[in-house]
N, C-alpha and C. Protein backbone atom coordinates (compact mmCIF):
# COMPACT_ATOMS: atom_id res chain seq x y z
N MET A 1 -13.59 19.98 -12.23
CA MET A 1 -12.86 19.68 -10.83
C MET A 1 -12.77 18.01 -11.22
N ASP A 2 -13.53 16.67 -11.42
CA ASP A 2 -13.86 16.42 -11.96
C ASP A 2 -13.19 15.38 -12.35
N THR A 3 -12.60 16.49 -13.68
CA THR A 3 -11.86 15.60 -14.76
C THR A 3 -10.76 15.63 -14.49
N LEU A 4 -10.24 16.35 -13.05
CA LEU A 4 -9.57 17.11 -12.93
C LEU A 4 -8.32 16.03 -11.77
N SER A 5 -9.19 15.30 -10.80
CA SER A 5 -8.41 14.73 -9.98
C SER A 5 -9.16 13.02 -10.36
N VAL A 6 -8.95 12.91 -12.17
CA VAL A 6 -8.79 11.45 -12.64
C VAL A 6 -6.99 11.38 -12.87
N ALA A 7 -7.29 13.04 -13.72
CA ALA A 7 -6.02 13.11 -13.80
C ALA A 7 -4.51 13.12 -12.91
N VAL A 8 -5.63 13.59 -12.44
CA VAL A 8 -3.88 13.67 -11.25
C VAL A 8 -3.33 12.35 -10.22
N ALA A 9 -4.71 12.10 -10.57
CA ALA A 9 -5.01 10.10 -9.86
C ALA A 9 -3.69 9.25 -10.69
N ILE A 10 -3.81 9.04 -11.65
CA ILE A 10 -3.52 9.09 -12.73
C ILE A 10 -1.51 9.41 -12.45
N VAL A 11 -1.49 10.41 -11.85
CA VAL A 11 -0.04 10.99 -11.51
C VAL A 11 0.50 10.52 -10.43
N ALA A 12 -0.34 10.23 -9.51
CA ALA A 12 -0.44 9.51 -7.87
C ALA A 12 0.14 8.05 -8.50
N GLY A 13 -0.50 7.49 -9.04
CA GLY A 13 0.13 5.76 -9.28
C GLY A 13 1.31 5.69 -9.60
N PHE A 14 1.20 6.56 -10.81
CA PHE A 14 3.24 7.00 -12.00
C PHE A 14 3.77 6.43 -10.27
N LEU A 15 3.67 7.96 -9.13
CA LEU A 15 5.36 8.51 -8.13
C LEU A 15 4.57 6.91 -7.11
N LEU A 16 3.49 6.54 -7.34
CA LEU A 16 3.39 5.41 -6.65
C LEU A 16 4.46 3.98 -6.72
N SER A 17 4.12 3.80 -8.68
CA SER A 17 5.18 3.21 -9.22
C SER A 17 6.50 3.12 -9.94
N LEU A 18 7.13 4.67 -9.43
CA LEU A 18 8.75 4.52 -9.14
C LEU A 18 8.61 4.53 -7.54
N GLY A 19 8.07 4.73 -6.74
CA GLY A 19 7.92 4.34 -5.21
C GLY A 19 8.47 3.00 -5.66
N VAL A 20 7.58 1.70 -6.18
CA VAL A 20 8.16 0.69 -5.58
C VAL A 20 9.62 0.55 -6.32
N LEU A 21 9.35 0.54 -7.12
CA LEU A 21 10.50 0.47 -7.96
C LEU A 21 12.05 0.96 -7.81
N SER A 22 12.09 2.08 -6.50
CA SER A 22 13.61 2.44 -6.27
C SER A 22 13.00 1.40 -4.62
N VAL A 23 12.98 0.85 -4.12
CA VAL A 23 12.23 -0.19 -3.33
C VAL A 23 12.97 -1.33 -4.08
N VAL A 24 12.55 -1.65 -4.96
CA VAL A 24 12.80 -2.60 -6.13
C VAL A 24 15.00 -2.10 -6.47
N HIS A 25 15.30 -1.82 -6.80
CA HIS A 25 15.97 -1.03 -7.09
C HIS A 25 17.38 -0.91 -5.27
N MET A 26 16.93 -0.71 -4.58
CA MET A 26 17.08 -0.19 -3.65
C MET A 26 17.50 -1.95 -3.29
N VAL A 27 16.77 -3.05 -2.83
CA VAL A 27 17.11 -4.41 -2.91
C VAL A 27 18.28 -4.89 -3.12
N PHE A 28 18.09 -4.56 -4.39
CA PHE A 28 18.94 -5.96 -5.78
C PHE A 28 20.45 -4.62 -5.12
N VAL A 29 20.34 -3.27 -5.29
CA VAL A 29 21.91 -2.85 -5.10
C VAL A 29 22.71 -2.91 -3.61
N ARG A 30 21.35 -2.95 -2.60
CA ARG A 30 22.28 -4.10 -1.44
C ARG A 30 22.25 -4.99 -1.21
N TYR A 31 21.49 -5.93 -1.80
CA TYR A 31 21.80 -7.51 -1.88
C TYR A 31 22.16 -8.26 -2.75
N VAL A 32 21.79 -7.71 -3.82
CA VAL A 32 22.61 -8.35 -4.97
C VAL A 32 24.48 -7.80 -5.74
N MET A 33 24.08 -6.94 -5.04
CA MET A 33 25.57 -5.88 -6.06
C MET A 33 26.30 -5.58 -4.23
N GLY A 34 24.92 -6.20 -3.11
CA GLY A 34 26.14 -6.18 -2.81
C GLY A 34 26.74 -3.86 -1.94
N GLU A 35 25.87 -3.13 -2.65
CA GLU A 35 26.16 -2.15 -2.10
C GLU A 35 25.52 -1.44 -1.53
N SER A 36 26.28 0.72 -0.70
CA SER A 36 24.85 1.24 -0.12
C SER A 36 24.65 1.81 -1.14
N THR A 37 23.10 1.93 -0.62
CA THR A 37 21.99 3.29 -1.11
C THR A 37 22.34 4.44 -0.61
N ILE A 38 22.05 5.77 -1.54
CA ILE A 38 22.23 6.52 -0.80
C ILE A 38 20.74 7.25 -1.21
N TRP A 39 20.41 7.53 -1.93
CA TRP A 39 19.10 8.11 -2.75
C TRP A 39 17.65 7.71 -2.45
N GLN A 40 17.43 6.41 -2.34
CA GLN A 40 16.65 5.09 -3.07
C GLN A 40 14.96 5.18 -1.30
N THR A 41 15.86 5.92 -0.55
CA THR A 41 15.23 5.94 0.72
C THR A 41 14.58 6.91 0.59
N GLU A 42 15.28 8.22 0.38
CA GLU A 42 14.42 8.99 0.85
C GLU A 42 13.87 9.67 -0.41
N PHE A 43 14.32 8.92 -1.30
CA PHE A 43 13.44 9.39 -2.28
C PHE A 43 11.80 8.21 -2.75
N THR A 44 12.14 7.10 -2.23
CA THR A 44 10.76 6.27 -1.86
C THR A 44 9.98 6.55 -0.95
N THR A 45 10.27 7.53 -0.14
CA THR A 45 9.27 8.09 0.82
C THR A 45 8.55 9.58 -0.18
N PHE A 46 9.91 10.01 -0.96
CA PHE A 46 8.61 11.49 -1.35
C PHE A 46 7.39 10.54 -1.79
N ALA A 47 7.70 9.99 -2.54
CA ALA A 47 6.61 9.51 -4.14
C ALA A 47 6.34 9.02 -3.32
N ILE A 48 5.93 8.41 -2.34
CA ILE A 48 4.80 7.67 -2.08
C ILE A 48 3.96 9.07 -1.89
N THR A 49 4.40 9.16 -0.59
CA THR A 49 4.16 10.09 -0.26
C THR A 49 3.41 12.59 -0.67
N ALA A 50 4.47 12.04 -2.06
CA ALA A 50 2.63 12.37 -2.90
C ALA A 50 1.92 11.73 -3.61
N SER A 51 2.30 10.61 -3.52
CA SER A 51 1.49 9.58 -4.10
C SER A 51 -0.24 9.43 -4.08
N MET A 52 0.67 9.29 -3.05
CA MET A 52 -1.92 9.23 -1.20
C MET A 52 -1.66 10.73 -0.88
N LEU A 53 -0.78 12.33 -1.20
CA LEU A 53 -1.39 12.62 -1.59
C LEU A 53 -3.03 13.86 -2.40
N LEU A 54 -1.41 13.40 -3.59
CA LEU A 54 -2.00 14.59 -5.12
C LEU A 54 -3.27 12.62 -5.09
N GLY A 55 -3.19 11.30 -4.28
CA GLY A 55 -4.23 11.04 -5.06
C GLY A 55 -6.11 10.78 -3.84
N THR A 56 -5.76 12.36 -2.70
CA THR A 56 -7.22 11.74 -1.95
C THR A 56 -8.00 12.66 -2.60
N PRO A 57 -7.65 12.97 -3.70
CA PRO A 57 -9.17 14.13 -4.53
C PRO A 57 -10.59 12.87 -4.92
N TYR A 58 -9.13 11.84 -5.99
CA TYR A 58 -9.66 10.84 -6.67
C TYR A 58 -11.04 9.55 -5.81
N VAL A 59 -9.74 9.86 -4.76
CA VAL A 59 -11.09 8.93 -3.50
C VAL A 59 -12.34 9.71 -2.77
N LEU A 60 -11.75 11.40 -3.02
CA LEU A 60 -13.07 11.76 -1.73
C LEU A 60 -14.20 11.67 -3.13
N LYS A 61 -14.10 12.04 -4.49
CA LYS A 61 -15.27 11.61 -5.48
C LYS A 61 -15.38 10.83 -5.76
N THR A 62 -14.18 9.74 -5.46
CA THR A 62 -15.61 7.99 -5.91
C THR A 62 -16.29 8.01 -4.32
N GLY A 63 -15.18 8.07 -3.09
CA GLY A 63 -16.23 7.61 -1.99
C GLY A 63 -15.56 6.44 -1.69
N GLY A 64 -13.48 6.58 -2.25
CA GLY A 64 -13.35 5.72 -1.33
C GLY A 64 -12.47 6.43 0.22
N HIS A 65 -12.75 7.03 0.64
CA HIS A 65 -12.82 6.53 1.45
C HIS A 65 -12.68 6.05 2.76
N VAL A 66 -11.95 5.87 4.07
CA VAL A 66 -12.84 4.73 5.38
C VAL A 66 -14.33 6.15 5.67
N ALA A 67 -15.49 5.39 5.89
CA ALA A 67 -16.87 5.81 6.19
C ALA A 67 -16.41 5.22 7.83
N VAL A 68 -17.64 5.36 8.67
CA VAL A 68 -19.26 4.43 9.21
C VAL A 68 -20.44 5.05 9.19
N THR A 69 -20.75 4.96 8.52
CA THR A 69 -22.81 5.43 7.89
C THR A 69 -23.43 5.11 8.66
N VAL A 70 -23.74 4.78 9.10
CA VAL A 70 -24.92 4.89 10.61
C VAL A 70 -25.56 5.16 10.71
N LEU A 71 -25.27 6.42 10.66
CA LEU A 71 -26.16 7.43 10.75
C LEU A 71 -27.17 7.91 9.38
N PRO A 72 -25.71 8.56 8.78
CA PRO A 72 -26.31 9.03 7.31
C PRO A 72 -27.04 8.47 6.89
N ASP A 73 -27.31 6.63 6.81
CA ASP A 73 -27.81 5.14 5.86
C ASP A 73 -29.43 5.33 6.32
N ALA A 74 -28.98 6.20 7.55
CA ALA A 74 -30.64 5.60 8.01
C ALA A 74 -31.21 6.96 8.49
N LEU A 75 -30.72 8.30 8.27
CA LEU A 75 -31.32 9.65 7.34
C LEU A 75 -32.10 9.28 6.41
N HIS A 76 -32.83 10.61 6.03
CA HIS A 76 -32.99 10.33 4.34
C HIS A 76 -34.21 11.90 4.46
N GLY A 77 -33.86 11.97 3.34
CA GLY A 77 -33.87 13.66 2.51
C GLY A 77 -32.80 14.65 3.37
N LEU A 78 -34.19 16.05 3.81
CA LEU A 78 -33.22 16.57 3.48
C LEU A 78 -31.94 16.54 4.59
N PRO A 79 -32.39 16.18 6.03
CA PRO A 79 -31.62 15.26 7.36
C PRO A 79 -30.16 14.92 6.23
N LYS A 80 -30.68 13.90 5.78
CA LYS A 80 -29.41 13.49 5.68
C LYS A 80 -28.31 14.07 3.91
N ARG A 81 -29.47 15.31 3.49
CA ARG A 81 -28.23 16.53 2.74
C ARG A 81 -28.19 17.29 3.64
N LEU A 82 -28.23 17.28 4.34
CA LEU A 82 -28.07 18.88 5.92
C LEU A 82 -26.03 18.10 6.70
N MET A 83 -26.58 16.64 7.02
CA MET A 83 -25.48 15.68 7.59
C MET A 83 -24.22 15.79 6.74
N ARG A 84 -24.57 15.06 5.37
CA ARG A 84 -23.71 15.65 4.13
C ARG A 84 -22.51 17.11 3.78
N ILE A 85 -23.71 18.18 3.74
CA ILE A 85 -23.17 19.36 3.18
C ILE A 85 -22.41 19.58 4.68
N SER A 86 -22.92 19.37 5.68
CA SER A 86 -22.26 19.32 7.50
C SER A 86 -20.40 19.16 7.41
N ALA A 87 -20.64 18.08 7.13
CA ALA A 87 -19.56 17.57 6.93
C ALA A 87 -18.47 17.78 5.58
N SER A 88 -19.49 17.89 4.70
CA SER A 88 -18.94 18.91 3.81
C SER A 88 -17.61 19.86 4.27
N LEU A 89 -18.25 20.49 5.31
CA LEU A 89 -17.99 22.01 4.91
C LEU A 89 -16.73 21.58 6.39
N VAL A 90 -17.37 21.35 7.11
CA VAL A 90 -16.09 21.10 7.75
C VAL A 90 -14.34 20.26 6.89
N GLY A 91 -15.52 19.60 6.00
CA GLY A 91 -13.80 18.57 5.53
C GLY A 91 -13.10 19.90 4.91
N LEU A 92 -13.96 20.35 4.17
CA LEU A 92 -12.83 21.92 3.32
C LEU A 92 -12.00 22.66 3.81
N ALA A 93 -12.66 23.18 5.54
CA ALA A 93 -12.20 23.98 6.82
C ALA A 93 -11.06 23.58 6.51
N PHE A 94 -10.88 22.01 7.09
CA PHE A 94 -9.75 21.03 7.13
C PHE A 94 -8.37 21.53 5.70
N CYS A 95 -9.09 21.22 5.36
CA CYS A 95 -8.38 21.00 3.50
C CYS A 95 -7.84 22.52 3.84
N LEU A 96 -8.47 23.49 4.07
CA LEU A 96 -7.98 24.89 3.55
C LEU A 96 -6.75 24.57 4.35
N ALA A 97 -7.29 25.23 6.23
CA ALA A 97 -6.45 25.11 6.59
C ALA A 97 -5.04 24.80 6.33
N LEU A 98 -4.72 23.24 5.95
CA LEU A 98 -3.67 22.46 5.21
C LEU A 98 -3.25 22.72 4.37
N ALA A 99 -3.79 23.65 3.62
CA ALA A 99 -3.61 23.50 2.17
C ALA A 99 -2.20 25.32 2.85
N TYR A 100 -2.80 26.73 3.59
CA TYR A 100 -2.72 27.48 3.29
C TYR A 100 -1.33 26.32 4.38
N GLY A 101 -1.09 26.50 5.11
CA GLY A 101 0.37 25.87 5.78
C GLY A 101 0.60 24.98 5.27
N CYS A 102 -0.18 24.15 4.25
CA CYS A 102 1.86 23.49 3.13
C CYS A 102 2.33 24.32 2.43
N TRP A 103 1.01 25.03 2.28
CA TRP A 103 1.80 26.73 0.75
C TRP A 103 2.61 27.67 1.61
N TYR A 104 2.70 27.25 3.10
CA TYR A 104 3.25 28.52 3.70
C TYR A 104 5.09 28.09 3.77
N TYR A 105 4.70 26.41 3.93
CA TYR A 105 5.71 25.46 4.67
C TYR A 105 6.69 25.54 3.48
N PHE A 106 6.18 25.53 1.80
CA PHE A 106 7.29 25.22 0.49
C PHE A 106 7.59 26.89 0.89
N TYR A 107 7.21 27.63 0.56
CA TYR A 107 7.95 29.22 0.29
C TYR A 107 8.72 28.96 0.85
N GLU A 108 8.67 28.98 2.23
CA GLU A 108 9.99 28.64 3.59
C GLU A 108 10.73 28.07 2.81
N ALA A 109 10.83 26.94 2.37
CA ALA A 109 11.46 25.30 2.11
C ALA A 109 12.23 25.83 0.46
N TYR A 110 11.68 27.02 -0.17
CA TYR A 110 11.69 27.77 -1.29
C TYR A 110 12.53 28.92 -1.07
N ALA A 111 12.32 29.47 -0.69
CA ALA A 111 13.40 30.71 -0.37
C ALA A 111 14.32 30.47 0.35
N PHE A 112 14.24 30.30 1.38
CA PHE A 112 14.74 29.45 1.99
C PHE A 112 16.74 28.65 1.85
N ASP A 113 16.42 27.72 1.39
CA ASP A 113 16.96 26.59 0.36
C ASP A 113 17.20 25.92 1.17
N TRP A 114 15.85 25.56 1.82
CA TRP A 114 16.24 23.93 2.99
C TRP A 114 16.72 22.90 1.97
N THR A 115 17.27 21.93 2.73
CA THR A 115 17.56 21.19 1.89
C THR A 115 17.20 19.62 3.52
N THR A 116 17.47 18.51 2.95
CA THR A 116 16.05 17.54 3.58
C THR A 116 17.55 17.30 5.05
N GLY A 117 19.00 17.06 4.59
CA GLY A 117 19.40 16.89 5.32
C GLY A 117 20.67 16.12 5.87
N THR A 118 20.43 15.14 4.79
CA THR A 118 21.28 13.94 4.60
C THR A 118 21.90 13.45 3.32
N VAL A 119 22.06 11.75 4.27
CA VAL A 119 23.07 11.60 3.37
C VAL A 119 23.70 12.19 1.18
N TRP A 120 21.67 12.92 0.48
CA TRP A 120 21.97 12.43 0.00
C TRP A 120 21.73 13.97 -0.53
N ASN A 121 20.32 14.65 0.54
CA ASN A 121 20.55 16.40 0.89
C ASN A 121 19.65 16.48 -0.35
N PRO A 122 18.42 16.40 -1.36
CA PRO A 122 18.26 17.65 -2.14
C PRO A 122 17.66 18.93 -1.10
N PRO A 123 17.04 19.36 -1.44
CA PRO A 123 16.53 20.28 -1.45
C PRO A 123 15.08 20.18 -0.89
N LEU A 124 14.20 20.74 -0.37
CA LEU A 124 13.00 20.15 0.98
C LEU A 124 11.90 20.54 -0.26
N TRP A 125 11.92 21.45 -0.78
CA TRP A 125 10.44 21.95 -1.16
C TRP A 125 9.76 20.70 -2.28
N PRO A 126 10.75 20.10 -4.08
CA PRO A 126 10.31 18.99 -4.73
C PRO A 126 9.19 18.81 -3.62
N ALA A 127 9.41 17.93 -2.42
CA ALA A 127 8.94 16.81 -1.71
C ALA A 127 7.74 18.24 -1.26
N ILE A 128 7.90 19.42 -0.50
CA ILE A 128 6.81 19.47 0.05
C ILE A 128 5.77 20.07 -0.84
N LEU A 129 5.96 20.55 -2.82
CA LEU A 129 5.27 20.57 -2.76
C LEU A 129 3.71 19.81 -3.66
N PRO A 130 4.31 18.83 -4.11
CA PRO A 130 3.23 18.09 -4.10
C PRO A 130 2.32 17.50 -2.59
N VAL A 131 1.91 18.17 -1.29
CA VAL A 131 1.50 17.89 -0.21
C VAL A 131 1.16 18.88 -0.58
N ALA A 132 1.55 20.50 -0.92
CA ALA A 132 0.07 21.65 -1.08
C ALA A 132 -0.20 21.61 -2.50
N VAL A 133 0.19 21.14 -3.56
CA VAL A 133 -0.54 20.90 -4.52
C VAL A 133 -1.71 20.04 -4.01
N GLY A 134 -1.76 17.98 -3.47
CA GLY A 134 -2.88 18.14 -3.45
C GLY A 134 -3.56 17.96 -2.41
N ALA A 135 -3.21 19.18 -1.20
CA ALA A 135 -4.30 19.64 -0.31
C ALA A 135 -5.51 20.66 -0.74
N SER A 136 -4.73 22.10 -1.84
CA SER A 136 -5.56 22.23 -2.17
C SER A 136 -6.78 21.45 -3.36
N LEU A 137 -6.10 20.95 -3.99
CA LEU A 137 -6.96 20.41 -4.83
C LEU A 137 -8.07 19.91 -4.39
N LEU A 138 -7.89 18.96 -2.99
CA LEU A 138 -9.02 17.88 -2.29
C LEU A 138 -10.32 19.12 -1.80
N SER A 139 -9.18 19.97 -1.30
CA SER A 139 -10.17 21.18 -1.69
C SER A 139 -10.99 21.90 -2.59
N LEU A 140 -10.27 21.79 -3.24
CA LEU A 140 -11.49 21.72 -4.64
C LEU A 140 -12.55 21.64 -5.10
N GLN A 141 -12.44 19.55 -4.32
CA GLN A 141 -12.93 19.05 -4.75
C GLN A 141 -13.67 17.90 -3.58
N TYR A 142 -13.48 19.15 -2.17
CA TYR A 142 -14.50 19.76 -1.74
C TYR A 142 -15.78 20.15 -2.13
N VAL A 143 -15.42 21.23 -2.84
CA VAL A 143 -16.45 22.17 -3.20
C VAL A 143 -17.23 21.66 -4.18
N ALA A 144 -16.71 20.93 -4.97
CA ALA A 144 -17.38 20.61 -5.05
C ALA A 144 -18.33 19.89 -4.89
N GLU A 145 -18.11 18.80 -4.63
CA GLU A 145 -19.25 17.98 -3.72
C GLU A 145 -19.77 18.45 -3.32
N ILE A 146 -20.08 19.40 -2.39
CA ILE A 146 -20.75 20.68 -1.67
C ILE A 146 -22.03 20.99 -3.22
N LEU A 147 -21.00 21.52 -4.25
CA LEU A 147 -22.25 21.93 -5.25
C LEU A 147 -23.17 20.46 -6.25
N ARG A 148 -22.91 19.20 -5.49
CA ARG A 148 -23.73 18.93 -6.71
C ARG A 148 -24.47 18.46 -4.86
N VAL A 149 -24.50 18.48 -3.50
CA VAL A 149 -25.36 18.58 -2.86
C VAL A 149 -26.57 19.49 -3.81
N GLU A 150 -27.23 18.86 -3.47
CA GLU A 150 -29.00 19.13 -3.32
C GLU A 150 -29.81 19.68 -2.68
N LEU A 151 -30.11 21.03 -1.91
CA LEU A 151 -31.43 20.54 -0.97
C LEU A 151 -32.28 21.01 -0.51
């Protein structure tokens, strides 16, 4: 799972780069060429959102998330491990519920040919897929973190 998290983080970095390049392109087209833009804002939103959600397993793996650690730092031994595993189980439960909801939403968007309803009007399912995949991978990373805790 750790290797998969790193691989998906690389994809997330690529998507973030695409989002930034899209903004640069939008600024150039609007202000240098004086033309309107159609797809850039929506693509940027999709790319950066996908990047953020696909990067979450790596952030959990490396401990890069924001955390208040006053109480866990004060504890030692079994109480500290129990607190860590309890927090991971709560996080896992939330991520599993999120993954279920995202996959259901993805299914509806794909099955019913939902579109964004904007001028560009792309199908919605490609924007939802990274959210579902990210939540699923984050759930798996939580399982990996739980299995790492030695009681």
